[in-house]
C-alpha atoms as a PDB file:
ATOM      1  CA  MET A   1      21.571  28.775   6.748  1.00  0.00           C
ATOM      2  CA  CYS A   2      19.131  26.239   7.928  1.00  0.00           C
ATOM      3  CA  ALA A   3      17.737  23.403   5.668  1.00  0.00           C
ATOM      4  CA  LYS A   4      14.249  25.056   5.877  1.00  0.00           C
ATOM      5  CA  LEU A   5      15.335  28.281   4.353  1.00  0.00           C
ATOM      6  CA  ARG A   6      17.567  26.531   1.885  1.00  0.00           C
ATOM      7  CA  LYS A   7      14.967  24.652   0.404  1.00  0.00           C
ATOM      8  CA  ARG A   8      12.757  27.856   0.001  1.00  0.00           C
ATOM      9  CA  ILE A   9      15.323  29.782  -1.556  1.00  0.00           C
ATOM     10  CA  LYS A  10      15.880  27.086  -4.073  1.00  0.00           C
ATOM     11  CA  ILE A  11      12.054  26.590  -4.751  1.00  0.00           C
ATOM     12  CA  LYS A  12      12.046  30.409  -5.407  1.00  0.00           C
ATOM     13  CA  ARG A  13      14.849  30.208  -7.877  1.00  0.00           C
ATOM     14  CA  LYS A  14      13.042  27.392  -9.615  1.00  0.00           C
ATOM     15  CA  VAL A  15       9.807  29.448  -9.466  1.00  0.00           C
ATOM     16  CA  GLU A  16      11.482  32.483 -10.843  1.00  0.00           C
ATOM     17  CA  SER A  17      12.928  30.604 -13.586  1.00  0.00           C
ATOM     18  CA  VAL A  18       9.712  28.906 -14.761  1.00  0.00           C
ATOM     19  CA  MET A  19       7.790  32.292 -14.699  1.00  0.00           C
ATOM     20  CA  LYS A  20      10.637  34.578 -15.898  1.00  0.00           C
ATOM     21  CA  ILE A  21       9.737  36.917 -13.516  1.00  0.00           C
ATOM     22  CA  SER A  22      10.791  37.316  -9.944  1.00  0.00           C
ATOM     23  CA  VAL A  23       8.791  35.883  -7.204  1.00  0.00           C
ATOM     24  CA  SER A  24       8.914  39.502  -5.855  1.00  0.00           C
ATOM     25  CA  GLU A  25       7.293  40.568  -9.073  1.00  0.00           C
ATOM     26  CA  MET A  26       4.883  37.948  -9.073  1.00  0.00           C
ATOM     27  CA  ILE A  27       3.393  38.717  -5.604  1.00  0.00           C
ATOM     28  CA  ASP A  28       3.316  42.132  -6.666  1.00  0.00           C
ATOM     29  CA  ALA A  29       1.075  41.670  -9.778  1.00  0.00           C
ATOM     30  CA  LEU A  30      -1.022  38.925  -7.528  1.00  0.00           C
ATOM     31  CA  GLY A  31      -2.044  41.882  -5.270  1.00  0.00           C
ATOM     32  CA  GLU A  32      -3.876  43.913  -8.422  1.00  0.00           C
ATOM     33  CA  LEU A  33      -6.142  40.765  -8.760  1.00  0.00           C
ATOM     34  CA  SER A  34      -9.518  40.662  -6.820  1.00  0.00           C
ATOM     35  CA  LEU A  35     -10.396  38.173  -4.162  1.00  0.00           C
ATOM     36  CA  LYS A  36     -12.689  36.347  -6.593  1.00  0.00           C
ATOM     37  CA  GLU A  37      -9.942  36.108  -9.283  1.00  0.00           C
ATOM     38  CA  MET A  38      -7.217  34.957  -7.086  1.00  0.00           C
ATOM     39  CA  GLY A  39      -9.481  32.033  -6.145  1.00  0.00           C
ATOM     40  CA  VAL A  40     -10.030  31.101  -9.527  1.00  0.00           C
ATOM     41  CA  LEU A  41      -5.976  31.214  -9.582  1.00  0.00           C
ATOM     42  CA  ARG A  42      -5.620  29.321  -6.586  1.00  0.00           C
ATOM     43  CA  ASP A  43      -8.491  26.432  -7.825  1.00  0.00           C
ATOM     44  CA  GLU A  44      -6.214  26.359 -11.153  1.00  0.00           C
ATOM     45  CA  LEU A  45      -3.242  26.112  -8.860  1.00  0.00           C
ATOM     46  CA  ASP A  46      -4.446  23.280  -6.838  1.00  0.00           C
ATOM     47  CA  SER A  47      -6.287  21.241 -10.190  1.00  0.00           C
ATOM     48  CA  ALA A  48      -1.972  21.559 -11.534  1.00  0.00           C
ATOM     49  CA  MET A  49      -0.767  19.946  -8.015  1.00  0.00           C
ATOM     50  CA  GLU A  50      -3.637  17.331  -8.342  1.00  0.00           C
ATOM     51  CA  ALA A  51      -2.806  16.187 -11.758  1.00  0.00           C
ATOM     52  CA  ARG A  52       1.134  16.446 -10.893  1.00  0.00           C
ATOM     53  CA  ARG A  53       0.971  14.133  -7.971  1.00  0.00           C
ATOM     54  CA  PRO A  54       0.380  10.634  -9.709  1.00  0.00           C
ATOM     55  CA  ILE A  55       3.633  11.897 -12.173  1.00  0.00           C
ATOM     56  CA  GLU A  56       5.530  12.751  -8.892  1.00  0.00           C
ATOM     57  CA  LYS A  57       4.429   9.483  -7.227  1.00  0.00           C
ATOM     58  CA  GLU A  58       5.331   7.218  -9.877  1.00  0.00           C
ATOM     59  CA  LYS A  59       8.895   9.062 -10.315  1.00  0.00           C
ATOM     60  CA  PHE A  60       9.377   8.473  -6.558  1.00  0.00           C
ATOM     61  CA  LYS A  61       8.013   5.142  -6.485  1.00  0.00           C
ATOM     62  CA  SER A  62      10.794   4.020  -9.635  1.00  0.00           C
ATOM     63  CA  GLN A  63      13.594   5.725  -7.674  1.00  0.00           C
ATOM     64  CA  VAL A  64      12.683   3.786  -4.219  1.00  0.00           C
ATOM     65  CA  GLU A  65      12.538   0.725  -6.801  1.00  0.00           C
ATOM     66  CA  ASN A  66      16.200   1.235  -8.157  1.00  0.00           C
ATOM     67  CA  MET A  67      17.775   1.913  -4.933  1.00  0.00           C
ATOM     68  CA  ALA A  68      15.833  -1.214  -3.845  1.00  0.00           C
ATOM     69  CA  LYS A  69      17.297  -3.434  -6.515  1.00  0.00           C
ATOM     70  CA  GLU A  70      20.995  -1.834  -5.973  1.00  0.00           C
ATOM     71  CA  LEU A  71      20.965  -3.247  -2.788  1.00  0.00           C
ATOM     72  CA  GLY A  72      19.283  -6.912  -4.199  1.00  0.00           C
ATOM     73  CA  LEU A  73      15.912  -6.350  -2.142  1.00  0.00           C
ATOM     74  CA  ARG A  74      12.050  -6.253  -3.673  1.00  0.00           C
ATOM     75  CA  LEU A  75       9.886  -3.098  -2.609  1.00  0.00           C
ATOM     76  CA  ASP A  76       7.589  -5.753  -0.594  1.00  0.00           C
ATOM     77  CA  GLU A  77      10.428  -6.926   1.358  1.00  0.00           C
ATOM     78  CA  ILE A  78      11.100  -3.348   2.442  1.00  0.00           C
ATOM     79  CA  PHE A  79       7.364  -1.782   2.589  1.00  0.00           C
ATOM     80  CA  GLU A  80       5.252  -4.716   4.166  1.00  0.00           C
ATOM     81  CA  ASP A  81       1.913  -4.129   5.009  1.00  0.00           C
ATOM     82  CA  PRO A  82       1.832  -4.226   9.079  1.00  0.00           C
ATOM     83  CA  ARG A  83      -2.145  -4.502   8.728  1.00  0.00           C
ATOM     84  CA  SER A  84      -2.323  -7.814   6.826  1.00  0.00           C
ATOM     85  CA  PRO A  85      -0.713 -10.487   8.278  1.00  0.00           C
ATOM     86  CA  SER A  86      -0.776 -14.014   7.125  1.00  0.00           C
ATOM     87  CA  ALA A  87      -3.584 -16.225   8.702  1.00  0.00           C
ATOM     88  CA  LEU A  88      -1.846 -19.248   9.930  1.00  0.00           C
ATOM     89  CA  PRO A  89      -3.209 -22.368   8.033  1.00  0.00           C
ATOM     90  CA  LYS A  90      -5.452 -24.234   9.832  1.00  0.00           C
ATOM     91  CA  PHE A  91      -5.780 -26.851   7.409  1.00  0.00           C
ATOM     92  CA  ILE A  92      -2.876 -29.073   5.854  1.00  0.00           C
ATOM     93  CA  ASN A  93      -3.284 -31.537   3.142  1.00  0.00           C
ATOM     94  CA  PRO A  94      -1.024 -34.760   4.224  1.00  0.00           C
ATOM     95  CA  ALA A  95      -0.381 -35.862   0.852  1.00  0.00           C
ATOM     96  CA  ASN A  96       1.360 -32.548   0.135  1.00  0.00           C
ATOM     97  CA  PRO A  97       1.842 -30.111   3.355  1.00  0.00           C
ATOM     98  CA  GLU A  98       2.825 -27.260   1.421  1.00  0.00           C
ATOM     99  CA  GLN A  99      -0.860 -26.998   0.614  1.00  0.00           C
ATOM    100  CA  THR A 100      -2.537 -25.575   3.481  1.00  0.00           C
ATOM    101  CA  TRP A 101      -5.693 -23.543   3.963  1.00  0.00           C
ATOM    102  CA  ALA A 102      -6.155 -20.716   6.983  1.00  0.00           C
ATOM    103  CA  GLY A 103     -10.046 -21.529   6.802  1.00  0.00           C
ATOM    104  CA  ILE A 104     -10.906 -18.085   5.079  1.00  0.00           C
ATOM    105  CA  GLY A 105     -12.426 -18.160   1.925  1.00  0.00           C
ATOM    106  CA  LYS A 106     -13.338 -20.586  -0.559  1.00  0.00           C
ATOM    107  CA  ARG A 107     -12.118 -24.319   0.329  1.00  0.00           C
ATOM    108  CA  PRO A 108      -8.641 -25.047  -1.890  1.00  0.00           C
ATOM    109  CA  HIS A 109      -9.308 -27.557  -4.335  1.00  0.00           C
ATOM    110  CA  TRP A 110      -7.352 -30.147  -2.680  1.00  0.00           C
ATOM    111  CA  LEU A 111      -9.517 -30.542   0.380  1.00  0.00           C
ATOM    112  CA  ARG A 112     -12.581 -30.460  -1.918  1.00  0.00           C
ATOM    113  CA  GLN A 113     -11.474 -33.325  -3.360  1.00  0.00           C
ATOM    114  CA  LYS A 114     -10.824 -34.817   0.000  1.00  0.00           C
ATOM    115  CA  LEU A 115     -14.200 -34.161   1.069  1.00  0.00           C
ATOM    116  CA  GLU A 116     -15.886 -35.666  -2.293  1.00  0.00           C
ATOM    117  CA  ASN A 117     -13.698 -38.781  -1.490  1.00  0.00           C
ATOM    118  CA  GLY A 118     -15.789 -39.219   2.255  1.00  0.00           C
ATOM    119  CA  HIS A 119     -13.284 -37.003   4.533  1.00  0.00           C
ATOM    120  CA  LYS A 120     -14.272 -34.732   6.958  1.00  0.00           C
ATOM    121  CA  VAL A 121     -12.783 -31.120   7.435  1.00  0.00           C
ATOM    122  CA  SER A 122     -11.535 -31.829  10.750  1.00  0.00           C
ATOM    123  CA  ASP A 123      -9.401 -34.625   9.483  1.00  0.00           C
ATOM    124  CA  PHE A 124      -6.782 -31.842   7.773  1.00  0.00           C
ATOM    125  CA  LEU A 125      -6.457 -29.706  11.224  1.00  0.00           C
ATOM    126  CA  SER A 126      -3.197 -28.491  11.403  1.00  0.00           C
ATOM    127  CA  GLU A 127      -0.893 -29.762  14.479  1.00  0.00           C
ATOM    128  CA  ASN A 128       0.167 -26.578  15.539  1.00  0.00           C
ATOM    129  CA  LEU A 129      -2.781 -25.107  16.937  1.00  0.00           C
ATOM    130  CA  THR A 130      -3.254 -24.796  20.134  1.00  0.00           C
ATOM    131  CA  ASP A 131      -5.980 -26.852  22.281  1.00  0.00           C
ATOM    132  CA  ASP A 132      -8.375 -24.032  22.410  1.00  0.00           C
ATOM    133  CA  ASP A 133      -8.018 -23.161  18.718  1.00  0.00           C
ATOM    134  CA  ARG A 134      -8.487 -26.731  17.554  1.00  0.00           C
ATOM    135  CA  LEU A 135     -12.058 -27.032  19.845  1.00  0.00           C
ATOM    136  CA  LYS A 136     -12.971 -23.725  18.659  1.00  0.00           C
ATOM    137  CA  ILE A 137     -12.665 -24.479  14.998  1.00  0.00           C
ATOM    138  CA  GLU A 138     -13.961 -28.385  15.807  1.00  0.00           C
ATOM    139  CA  ALA A 139     -17.227 -26.392  17.303  1.00  0.00           C
ATOM    140  CA  ALA A 140     -17.478 -24.155  14.234  1.00  0.00           C
ATOM    141  CA  LEU A 141     -17.314 -26.996  12.224  1.00  0.00           C
ATOM    142  CA  ALA A 142     -19.977 -28.896  13.943  1.00  0.00           C
ATOM    143  CA  LYS A 143     -22.469 -25.725  13.181  1.00  0.00           C
ATOM    144  CA  GLN A 144     -22.055 -26.215   9.866  1.00  0.00           C
END
């Protein structure tokens, strides 16, 4: 017996246990409904499915978290977002190299302080930049 058929039988048995009638009896009963009544029933079923979706999603997420925990992993290690790679740092604080800025968004506090003390943004360009990237950044800074 193929897996798809086994799954259908399992679902059929579950429905029968919940509904207290067989699926064939249910189909016979549905055959007595008008198209309009079937449409209303379908809409109610769609609503019930939509209400159930977040419950199932949370249940599944919990199961995956538990499996990851058993392996000593975090979900963010497993499901990295391929659409948002981290931007490489373009500016580095020489006083604390762990403080970096990619040049995106608001300038960090350490950089604002350095600028207030007379430094230029270009003073903090990363040494890891290619010459081409460095020229592009310096040209963009000159326009500001």
